[in-house]
N, C-alpha and C. Protein backbone atom coordinates (compact mmCIF):
# COMPACT_ATOMS: atom_id res chain seq x y z
N MET A 1 0.81 -1.20 0.00
CA MET A 1 0.00 0.00 0.00
C MET A 1 0.86 1.26 0.00
N GLU A 2 1.92 1.29 0.82
CA GLU A 2 2.77 2.49 0.86
C GLU A 2 3.39 2.76 -0.50
N ARG A 3 3.73 1.71 -1.23
CA ARG A 3 4.33 1.88 -2.56
C ARG A 3 3.33 2.53 -3.52
N ASN A 4 2.05 2.21 -3.40
CA ASN A 4 1.04 2.84 -4.24
C ASN A 4 0.99 4.34 -3.98
N ILE A 5 1.06 4.72 -2.72
CA ILE A 5 1.04 6.13 -2.37
C ILE A 5 2.28 6.83 -2.92
N GLU A 6 3.43 6.20 -2.79
CA GLU A 6 4.67 6.80 -3.28
C GLU A 6 4.64 7.00 -4.79
N ARG A 7 4.02 6.10 -5.51
CA ARG A 7 3.99 6.16 -6.98
C ARG A 7 2.97 7.18 -7.49
N TYR A 8 1.89 7.38 -6.77
CA TYR A 8 0.85 8.29 -7.23
C TYR A 8 1.23 9.69 -6.81
N ARG A 9 1.59 10.53 -7.77
CA ARG A 9 2.11 11.86 -7.47
C ARG A 9 1.08 12.80 -6.87
N LYS A 10 -0.19 12.43 -6.94
CA LYS A 10 -1.24 13.30 -6.41
C LYS A 10 -1.54 13.02 -4.94
N ILE A 11 -0.86 12.04 -4.39
CA ILE A 11 -1.02 11.74 -2.96
C ILE A 11 0.26 12.17 -2.26
N ASN A 12 0.11 13.05 -1.29
CA ASN A 12 1.26 13.57 -0.56
C ASN A 12 1.12 13.24 0.92
N CYS A 13 2.14 12.67 1.48
CA CYS A 13 2.15 12.36 2.91
C CYS A 13 3.10 13.33 3.60
N PHE A 14 2.57 14.11 4.52
CA PHE A 14 3.37 15.05 5.28
C PHE A 14 3.61 14.46 6.66
N VAL A 15 4.85 14.50 7.10
CA VAL A 15 5.18 13.94 8.41
C VAL A 15 6.04 14.91 9.20
N ALA A 16 5.96 14.78 10.51
CA ALA A 16 6.82 15.53 11.42
C ALA A 16 7.61 14.50 12.23
N ASN A 17 8.91 14.69 12.27
CA ASN A 17 9.79 13.80 13.04
C ASN A 17 10.46 14.59 14.14
N TRP A 18 10.68 13.93 15.26
CA TRP A 18 11.43 14.52 16.35
C TRP A 18 12.39 13.48 16.87
N GLU A 19 13.67 13.79 16.78
CA GLU A 19 14.72 12.88 17.23
C GLU A 19 14.54 11.48 16.64
N GLY A 20 14.21 11.43 15.35
CA GLY A 20 14.07 10.16 14.66
C GLY A 20 12.74 9.46 14.83
N ASN A 21 11.82 10.07 15.56
CA ASN A 21 10.51 9.45 15.79
C ASN A 21 9.43 10.21 15.02
N LEU A 22 8.53 9.46 14.40
CA LEU A 22 7.39 10.04 13.72
C LEU A 22 6.42 10.54 14.79
N ILE A 23 6.12 11.84 14.78
CA ILE A 23 5.24 12.39 15.82
C ILE A 23 3.92 12.92 15.27
N ALA A 24 3.84 13.13 13.94
CA ALA A 24 2.59 13.61 13.35
C ALA A 24 2.60 13.32 11.86
N SER A 25 1.39 13.20 11.30
CA SER A 25 1.29 12.99 9.87
C SER A 25 -0.07 13.43 9.36
N CYS A 26 -0.14 13.67 8.06
CA CYS A 26 -1.41 13.88 7.37
C CYS A 26 -1.21 13.57 5.89
N ILE A 27 -2.30 13.24 5.24
CA ILE A 27 -2.30 12.91 3.82
C ILE A 27 -3.07 13.99 3.08
N LEU A 28 -2.51 14.45 1.97
CA LEU A 28 -3.19 15.37 1.07
C LEU A 28 -3.33 14.68 -0.27
N VAL A 29 -4.57 14.57 -0.75
CA VAL A 29 -4.83 14.01 -2.06
C VAL A 29 -5.27 15.15 -2.97
N ILE A 30 -4.63 15.26 -4.12
CA ILE A 30 -5.01 16.25 -5.12
C ILE A 30 -5.93 15.54 -6.11
N VAL A 31 -7.17 16.00 -6.21
CA VAL A 31 -8.19 15.33 -7.02
C VAL A 31 -8.44 16.12 -8.30
N PRO A 32 -8.26 15.47 -9.47
CA PRO A 32 -8.59 16.14 -10.72
C PRO A 32 -10.07 16.51 -10.73
N ASN A 33 -10.42 17.52 -11.51
CA ASN A 33 -11.77 18.05 -11.45
C ASN A 33 -12.22 18.49 -12.84
N LEU A 34 -13.50 18.35 -13.12
CA LEU A 34 -14.03 18.78 -14.41
C LEU A 34 -14.70 20.14 -14.36
N THR A 35 -14.93 20.67 -13.17
CA THR A 35 -15.55 21.98 -13.04
C THR A 35 -14.50 23.00 -12.58
N ARG A 36 -14.94 24.22 -12.37
CA ARG A 36 -14.04 25.28 -11.89
C ARG A 36 -12.82 25.46 -12.80
N GLY A 37 -13.07 25.42 -14.10
CA GLY A 37 -11.96 25.59 -15.05
C GLY A 37 -10.97 24.45 -15.00
N ALA A 38 -11.44 23.28 -14.62
CA ALA A 38 -10.62 22.07 -14.49
C ALA A 38 -9.55 22.20 -13.41
N ARG A 39 -9.77 23.11 -12.46
CA ARG A 39 -8.83 23.21 -11.34
C ARG A 39 -9.09 22.08 -10.36
N PRO A 40 -8.05 21.46 -9.83
CA PRO A 40 -8.24 20.36 -8.89
C PRO A 40 -8.67 20.87 -7.52
N TYR A 41 -9.05 19.93 -6.67
CA TYR A 41 -9.30 20.26 -5.27
C TYR A 41 -8.50 19.30 -4.41
N GLY A 42 -8.32 19.66 -3.16
CA GLY A 42 -7.54 18.85 -2.24
C GLY A 42 -8.42 18.23 -1.18
N LEU A 43 -7.98 17.10 -0.70
CA LEU A 43 -8.65 16.41 0.40
C LEU A 43 -7.58 16.03 1.42
N ILE A 44 -7.73 16.51 2.64
CA ILE A 44 -6.79 16.18 3.71
C ILE A 44 -7.44 15.14 4.60
N GLU A 45 -6.70 14.08 4.88
CA GLU A 45 -7.18 12.97 5.72
C GLU A 45 -6.05 12.51 6.63
N ASN A 46 -6.41 11.65 7.54
CA ASN A 46 -5.45 10.99 8.44
C ASN A 46 -4.54 11.97 9.17
N VAL A 47 -5.13 13.04 9.69
CA VAL A 47 -4.37 14.00 10.50
C VAL A 47 -4.23 13.40 11.89
N ILE A 48 -3.00 13.19 12.29
CA ILE A 48 -2.77 12.57 13.62
C ILE A 48 -1.47 13.13 14.20
N THR A 49 -1.52 13.43 15.48
CA THR A 49 -0.32 13.85 16.22
C THR A 49 -0.23 12.97 17.45
N HIS A 50 0.96 12.47 17.72
CA HIS A 50 1.18 11.65 18.91
C HIS A 50 0.74 12.46 20.14
N PRO A 51 0.03 11.84 21.07
CA PRO A 51 -0.48 12.58 22.25
C PRO A 51 0.59 13.36 23.01
N ASP A 52 1.83 12.87 23.05
CA ASP A 52 2.89 13.58 23.78
C ASP A 52 3.29 14.90 23.12
N TYR A 53 2.89 15.10 21.85
CA TYR A 53 3.31 16.30 21.12
C TYR A 53 2.14 17.21 20.74
N ARG A 54 0.98 16.93 21.26
CA ARG A 54 -0.18 17.78 20.97
C ARG A 54 -0.08 19.10 21.73
N ARG A 55 -0.78 20.10 21.20
CA ARG A 55 -0.82 21.45 21.78
C ARG A 55 0.55 22.15 21.76
N GLN A 56 1.39 21.74 20.79
CA GLN A 56 2.70 22.36 20.63
C GLN A 56 2.87 22.99 19.24
N GLY A 57 1.79 22.98 18.46
CA GLY A 57 1.84 23.58 17.13
C GLY A 57 2.30 22.66 16.01
N VAL A 58 2.61 21.42 16.34
CA VAL A 58 3.11 20.47 15.34
C VAL A 58 2.04 20.20 14.29
N GLY A 59 0.84 19.84 14.71
CA GLY A 59 -0.24 19.53 13.78
C GLY A 59 -0.62 20.73 12.94
N LYS A 60 -0.65 21.90 13.55
CA LYS A 60 -1.00 23.12 12.83
C LYS A 60 0.03 23.40 11.73
N ARG A 61 1.31 23.23 12.03
CA ARG A 61 2.35 23.45 11.02
C ARG A 61 2.25 22.42 9.90
N LEU A 62 1.94 21.19 10.26
CA LEU A 62 1.80 20.13 9.26
C LEU A 62 0.64 20.45 8.31
N ILE A 63 -0.49 20.84 8.86
CA ILE A 63 -1.64 21.20 8.03
C ILE A 63 -1.30 22.43 7.17
N HIS A 64 -0.58 23.38 7.73
CA HIS A 64 -0.17 24.55 6.97
C HIS A 64 0.64 24.13 5.74
N HIS A 65 1.58 23.20 5.91
CA HIS A 65 2.38 22.71 4.78
C HIS A 65 1.49 22.02 3.75
N ALA A 66 0.53 21.22 4.22
CA ALA A 66 -0.39 20.54 3.30
C ALA A 66 -1.22 21.57 2.52
N LEU A 67 -1.71 22.59 3.20
CA LEU A 67 -2.48 23.63 2.53
C LEU A 67 -1.63 24.37 1.49
N GLN A 68 -0.42 24.72 1.85
CA GLN A 68 0.46 25.41 0.91
C GLN A 68 0.74 24.55 -0.31
N SER A 69 0.91 23.26 -0.11
CA SER A 69 1.13 22.35 -1.23
C SER A 69 -0.10 22.32 -2.14
N ALA A 70 -1.29 22.25 -1.53
CA ALA A 70 -2.52 22.24 -2.33
C ALA A 70 -2.66 23.52 -3.12
N TRP A 71 -2.39 24.66 -2.50
CA TRP A 71 -2.48 25.94 -3.21
C TRP A 71 -1.46 25.98 -4.36
N SER A 72 -0.28 25.42 -4.13
CA SER A 72 0.74 25.43 -5.19
C SER A 72 0.35 24.52 -6.36
N HIS A 73 -0.55 23.56 -6.12
CA HIS A 73 -1.08 22.70 -7.18
C HIS A 73 -2.34 23.31 -7.81
N ASN A 74 -2.61 24.58 -7.50
CA ASN A 74 -3.73 25.33 -8.06
C ASN A 74 -5.10 24.81 -7.62
N CYS A 75 -5.17 24.17 -6.46
CA CYS A 75 -6.46 23.72 -5.95
C CYS A 75 -7.36 24.91 -5.66
N TYR A 76 -8.63 24.78 -5.97
CA TYR A 76 -9.54 25.88 -5.69
C TYR A 76 -10.17 25.75 -4.31
N LYS A 77 -10.06 24.56 -3.70
CA LYS A 77 -10.52 24.37 -2.32
C LYS A 77 -9.81 23.14 -1.76
N ILE A 78 -9.81 23.06 -0.44
CA ILE A 78 -9.30 21.89 0.26
C ILE A 78 -10.36 21.48 1.26
N MET A 79 -10.71 20.22 1.25
CA MET A 79 -11.72 19.70 2.17
C MET A 79 -11.06 18.79 3.19
N LEU A 80 -11.67 18.72 4.35
CA LEU A 80 -11.19 17.86 5.42
C LEU A 80 -12.42 17.33 6.15
N LEU A 81 -12.45 16.05 6.38
CA LEU A 81 -13.51 15.44 7.18
C LEU A 81 -12.90 14.95 8.48
N THR A 82 -13.66 15.04 9.54
CA THR A 82 -13.23 14.45 10.81
C THR A 82 -14.38 13.67 11.40
N GLY A 83 -14.05 12.56 12.01
CA GLY A 83 -15.05 11.77 12.70
C GLY A 83 -15.21 12.22 14.15
N SER A 84 -14.35 13.12 14.57
CA SER A 84 -14.38 13.59 15.96
C SER A 84 -15.57 14.52 16.19
N LYS A 85 -16.19 14.36 17.31
CA LYS A 85 -17.30 15.23 17.72
C LYS A 85 -16.85 16.24 18.78
N THR A 86 -15.58 16.21 19.17
CA THR A 86 -15.13 17.07 20.26
C THR A 86 -14.91 18.51 19.79
N LYS A 87 -15.32 19.41 20.63
CA LYS A 87 -15.23 20.84 20.36
C LYS A 87 -13.77 21.25 20.10
N GLU A 88 -12.85 20.71 20.85
CA GLU A 88 -11.43 21.07 20.73
C GLU A 88 -10.88 20.71 19.36
N VAL A 89 -11.25 19.55 18.86
CA VAL A 89 -10.78 19.13 17.54
C VAL A 89 -11.34 20.06 16.46
N HIS A 90 -12.62 20.38 16.57
CA HIS A 90 -13.23 21.30 15.60
C HIS A 90 -12.57 22.68 15.67
N GLN A 91 -12.29 23.15 16.85
CA GLN A 91 -11.62 24.45 17.01
C GLN A 91 -10.22 24.41 16.41
N PHE A 92 -9.52 23.28 16.56
CA PHE A 92 -8.19 23.11 15.99
C PHE A 92 -8.25 23.30 14.47
N TYR A 93 -9.21 22.64 13.81
CA TYR A 93 -9.33 22.76 12.36
C TYR A 93 -9.76 24.16 11.94
N GLU A 94 -10.62 24.78 12.71
CA GLU A 94 -11.02 26.15 12.39
C GLU A 94 -9.84 27.11 12.51
N LYS A 95 -9.01 26.94 13.52
CA LYS A 95 -7.82 27.78 13.68
C LYS A 95 -6.82 27.54 12.57
N ALA A 96 -6.86 26.34 11.98
CA ALA A 96 -5.95 26.01 10.88
C ALA A 96 -6.47 26.55 9.54
N GLY A 97 -7.67 27.15 9.54
CA GLY A 97 -8.18 27.79 8.34
C GLY A 97 -9.40 27.15 7.71
N PHE A 98 -9.93 26.11 8.30
CA PHE A 98 -11.11 25.45 7.75
C PHE A 98 -12.38 26.05 8.32
N LYS A 99 -13.45 26.04 7.52
CA LYS A 99 -14.73 26.59 7.95
C LYS A 99 -15.77 25.48 7.96
N LYS A 100 -16.60 25.50 8.98
CA LYS A 100 -17.70 24.54 9.08
C LYS A 100 -18.90 25.08 8.31
N ASP A 101 -19.80 24.20 8.01
CA ASP A 101 -21.12 24.56 7.47
C ASP A 101 -21.09 25.20 6.08
N ILE A 102 -20.01 25.03 5.33
CA ILE A 102 -19.99 25.52 3.95
C ILE A 102 -20.62 24.46 3.03
N LYS A 103 -20.28 23.22 3.28
CA LYS A 103 -20.83 22.10 2.52
C LYS A 103 -21.30 21.04 3.51
N THR A 104 -22.10 20.13 3.03
CA THR A 104 -22.55 19.01 3.86
C THR A 104 -21.83 17.75 3.40
N GLY A 105 -21.21 17.07 4.33
CA GLY A 105 -20.48 15.85 3.99
C GLY A 105 -21.32 14.61 4.24
N PHE A 106 -21.16 13.63 3.37
CA PHE A 106 -21.82 12.34 3.51
C PHE A 106 -20.76 11.27 3.38
N VAL A 107 -20.91 10.18 4.11
CA VAL A 107 -19.95 9.09 4.07
C VAL A 107 -20.71 7.79 3.85
N ALA A 108 -20.25 6.99 2.92
CA ALA A 108 -20.83 5.65 2.69
C ALA A 108 -19.85 4.61 3.20
N THR A 109 -20.35 3.57 3.77
CA THR A 109 -19.53 2.45 4.23
C THR A 109 -20.09 1.17 3.64
N PRO A 110 -19.28 0.11 3.56
CA PRO A 110 -19.78 -1.15 3.01
C PRO A 110 -20.93 -1.69 3.86
N ILE A 111 -21.87 -2.30 3.21
CA ILE A 111 -23.01 -2.90 3.92
C ILE A 111 -22.56 -4.22 4.54
N SER A 112 -22.81 -4.38 5.82
CA SER A 112 -22.48 -5.63 6.51
C SER A 112 -23.57 -6.66 6.25
N HIS A 113 -23.15 -7.90 6.10
CA HIS A 113 -24.12 -8.98 5.87
C HIS A 113 -24.27 -9.82 7.10
């Protein structure tokens, strides 16, 4: 699976290391688009920071790098979904530049038998 990500140039994995240890990561996918003058859009997923390094700005800097990369790829928007219901997580994303209630997100999962 990691090799597929490495080969697909539209998938970018941003990581933060401290003293040789992975402490945070996020994935940015650049999605081709047929609207908006064929400008792509970005999707950020798998944002995670090790609990020992939270509230130190690591995640915010990582998201900032992902956003800058998306803008440099001429994305007209970047979307992010979170499964978290906690106020603090939502505030974190809002402080990083994301806005709630602009679009409505829907998620489909496989049907269990």
